Amino acid sequence: MNRQKLRGKWDQTKGLAREFWGELTGDDLNFIAGQRDRLIGRLEAKYQLSRSEAEMQVELFERKIFSAEKASRLH
């Protein structure tokens, strides 16, 4: 996954991030600003996850977003 891709699509996907992780606030999402490391850090803090658990969740989120994006381009 291209980290720049998440940052570039952040305005479109931050609502989905909030659905995925309901405890993230608007302030959290603004702070994260599409930066993967910031997202991982916030997930560690908010959900008391280990770094590897937070990274796995972010990977799942990225796959979900970008696979949906690919599917919409095919139709």
Protein backbone atom coordinates (compact mmCIF):
# COMPACT_ATOMS: atom_id res chain seq x y z
CA MET A 1 0.00 0.00 0.00
CA ASN A 2 1.31 3.38 -0.95
CA ARG A 3 1.34 5.55 2.17
CA GLN A 4 0.94 8.67 0.06
CA LYS A 5 -2.28 7.23 -1.32
CA LEU A 6 -3.90 7.17 2.12
CA ARG A 7 -2.80 10.74 2.81
CA GLY A 8 -4.08 11.92 -0.57
CA LYS A 9 -7.48 10.30 -0.04
CA TRP A 10 -7.83 11.24 3.63
CA ASP A 11 -10.59 13.82 3.17
CA GLN A 12 -12.69 11.23 1.34
CA THR A 13 -11.91 8.39 3.75
CA LYS A 14 -11.85 9.96 7.20
CA GLY A 15 -15.59 9.40 7.54
CA LEU A 16 -15.00 5.73 6.82
CA ALA A 17 -12.21 5.71 9.39
CA ARG A 18 -14.63 7.05 11.96
CA GLU A 19 -17.10 4.28 11.09
CA PHE A 20 -14.33 1.69 11.31
CA TRP A 21 -13.05 3.05 14.65
CA GLY A 22 -15.98 4.69 16.42
CA GLU A 23 -13.90 6.12 19.25
CA LEU A 24 -11.90 8.40 16.94
CA THR A 25 -13.07 11.98 17.26
CA GLY A 26 -13.06 14.72 14.68
CA ASP A 27 -10.01 16.16 16.42
CA ASP A 28 -8.27 12.77 16.17
CA LEU A 29 -9.04 12.57 12.46
CA ASN A 30 -7.77 16.11 11.87
CA PHE A 31 -4.58 15.33 13.78
CA ILE A 32 -4.04 12.08 11.84
CA ALA A 33 -4.44 13.92 8.52
CA GLY A 34 -3.94 10.72 6.55
CA GLN A 35 -0.59 9.93 8.12
CA ARG A 36 -0.39 6.22 8.73
CA ASP A 37 1.93 6.44 11.75
CA ARG A 38 -0.35 8.94 13.45
CA LEU A 39 -3.35 6.70 12.83
CA ILE A 40 -1.51 3.72 14.31
CA GLY A 41 -0.50 5.78 17.34
CA ARG A 42 -4.05 6.96 17.97
CA LEU A 43 -5.38 3.42 17.69
CA GLU A 44 -2.78 2.21 20.19
CA ALA A 45 -3.87 4.90 22.65
CA LYS A 46 -7.65 4.83 22.15
CA TYR A 47 -8.06 1.08 21.96
CA GLN A 48 -5.05 0.05 24.06
CA LEU A 49 -3.67 -2.03 21.20
CA SER A 50 -0.14 -3.21 20.66
CA ARG A 51 1.71 -1.61 17.77
CA SER A 52 1.37 -4.77 15.67
CA GLU A 53 -2.38 -5.03 16.35
CA ALA A 54 -2.89 -1.39 15.36
CA GLU A 55 -0.83 -1.90 12.19
CA MET A 56 -2.94 -4.93 11.25
CA GLN A 57 -6.14 -2.93 11.69
CA VAL A 58 -4.79 -0.13 9.51
CA GLU A 59 -3.79 -2.65 6.84
CA LEU A 60 -7.32 -4.08 6.86
CA PHE A 61 -8.76 -0.58 6.59
CA GLU A 62 -6.49 0.28 3.68
CA ARG A 63 -7.40 -2.93 1.85
CA LYS A 64 -11.08 -2.26 2.38
CA ILE A 65 -10.86 1.29 1.06
CA PHE A 66 -8.68 0.61 -1.93
CA SER A 67 -10.40 -2.63 -2.95
CA ALA A 68 -13.73 -0.77 -2.93
CA GLU A 69 -12.11 1.97 -5.01
CA LYS A 70 -10.88 -0.58 -7.57
CA ALA A 71 -14.30 -2.24 -7.72
CA SER A 72 -16.03 1.09 -8.37
CA ARG A 73 -13.64 1.83 -11.26
CA LEU A 74 -14.50 -1.51 -12.86
CA HIS A 75 -18.24 -0.74 -12.97
